[in-house]
Amino acid sequence: MTDDEIDLTHDTFIKLPGKRREEILERLTGEERGVIQMLWGLGDEHNYSLEETAQVFQKTTFEILEILGEAHTHIGEALDGR
């Protein structure tokens, strides 16, 4: 997934009504959901850095990026109606 695709997915997701966002988040694994919530500032409205997120999940930043990529794929599929 390219940076432009990630930005488009994020922007589209954030503009969705809250109920639809929650439906999409429920389709993600717990880890994917947690990473998205931290990096995008969902819930407590604080955007955490990649490093902070990695510390919380006790993973490397590379592992967090892999999880983020999977989450973006699943969100993109949900936005496309798959």
Protein backbone atom coordinates (compact mmCIF):
# COMPACT_ATOMS: atom_id res chain seq x y z
CA MET A 1 0.00 0.00 0.00
CA THR A 2 1.40 3.38 -0.99
CA ASP A 3 1.51 6.47 1.21
CA ASP A 4 -1.20 8.06 -0.98
CA GLU A 5 -3.46 5.04 -0.49
CA ILE A 6 -2.88 5.15 3.27
CA ASP A 7 -3.72 8.87 3.38
CA LEU A 8 -6.87 8.30 1.30
CA THR A 9 -7.97 5.41 3.53
CA HIS A 10 -7.35 7.47 6.67
CA ASP A 11 -9.13 10.55 5.35
CA THR A 12 -12.11 8.55 4.11
CA PHE A 13 -12.35 6.58 7.35
CA ILE A 14 -12.20 9.66 9.60
CA LYS A 15 -15.05 11.33 7.66
CA LEU A 16 -17.40 8.37 8.17
CA PRO A 17 -20.20 8.57 10.74
CA GLY A 18 -19.15 7.15 14.10
CA LYS A 19 -21.40 4.09 13.83
CA ARG A 20 -19.90 3.10 10.45
CA ARG A 21 -16.35 3.61 11.80
CA GLU A 22 -17.16 1.31 14.71
CA GLU A 23 -18.55 -1.34 12.35
CA ILE A 24 -15.32 -1.27 10.36
CA LEU A 25 -13.13 -1.33 13.48
CA GLU A 26 -15.00 -4.42 14.67
CA ARG A 27 -13.82 -6.25 11.53
CA LEU A 28 -10.17 -5.79 12.55
CA THR A 29 -8.21 -7.98 14.91
CA GLY A 30 -7.74 -6.57 18.40
CA GLU A 31 -4.13 -5.72 17.62
CA GLU A 32 -4.99 -3.99 14.33
CA ARG A 33 -7.77 -2.03 16.03
CA GLY A 34 -5.48 -0.95 18.87
CA VAL A 35 -2.74 0.21 16.50
CA ILE A 36 -5.21 2.19 14.38
CA GLN A 37 -6.80 3.76 17.45
CA MET A 38 -3.43 4.86 18.84
CA LEU A 39 -1.91 6.13 15.60
CA TRP A 40 -5.07 7.88 14.40
CA GLY A 41 -6.06 9.29 17.80
CA LEU A 42 -9.37 7.46 18.02
CA GLY A 43 -10.84 7.17 21.49
CA ASP A 44 -8.75 9.52 23.58
CA GLU A 45 -8.12 11.90 20.63
CA HIS A 46 -4.35 11.73 21.14
CA ASN A 47 -2.25 10.57 18.20
CA TYR A 48 0.58 8.39 19.44
CA SER A 49 3.85 8.11 17.56
CA LEU A 50 4.97 4.91 15.90
CA GLU A 51 7.57 4.47 18.64
CA GLU A 52 5.06 4.99 21.45
CA THR A 53 2.67 2.52 19.84
CA ALA A 54 5.46 -0.04 19.48
CA GLN A 55 6.32 0.32 23.17
CA VAL A 56 2.73 -0.22 24.25
CA PHE A 57 2.40 -3.36 22.12
CA GLN A 58 5.94 -4.51 22.96
CA LYS A 59 6.78 -4.80 19.27
CA THR A 60 9.31 -3.26 16.94
CA THR A 61 8.31 -0.29 14.81
CA PHE A 62 8.64 -2.58 11.78
CA GLU A 63 6.11 -5.00 13.30
CA ILE A 64 3.73 -2.11 13.99
CA LEU A 65 4.04 -1.01 10.36
CA GLU A 66 3.18 -4.56 9.25
CA ILE A 67 0.11 -4.56 11.50
CA LEU A 68 -0.83 -1.11 10.21
CA GLY A 69 -0.55 -2.35 6.61
CA GLU A 70 -2.89 -5.27 7.33
CA ALA A 71 -5.34 -2.95 9.08
CA HIS A 72 -5.31 -0.56 6.10
CA THR A 73 -6.01 -3.45 3.77
CA HIS A 74 -8.99 -4.55 5.86
CA ILE A 75 -10.30 -0.99 6.19
CA GLY A 76 -9.92 -0.45 2.43
CA GLU A 77 -11.86 -3.65 1.76
CA ALA A 78 -14.63 -2.54 4.12
CA LEU A 79 -14.80 0.87 2.45
CA ASP A 80 -15.05 -0.83 -0.94
CA GLY A 81 -17.90 -2.98 0.36
CA ARG A 82 -16.01 -6.28 0.42
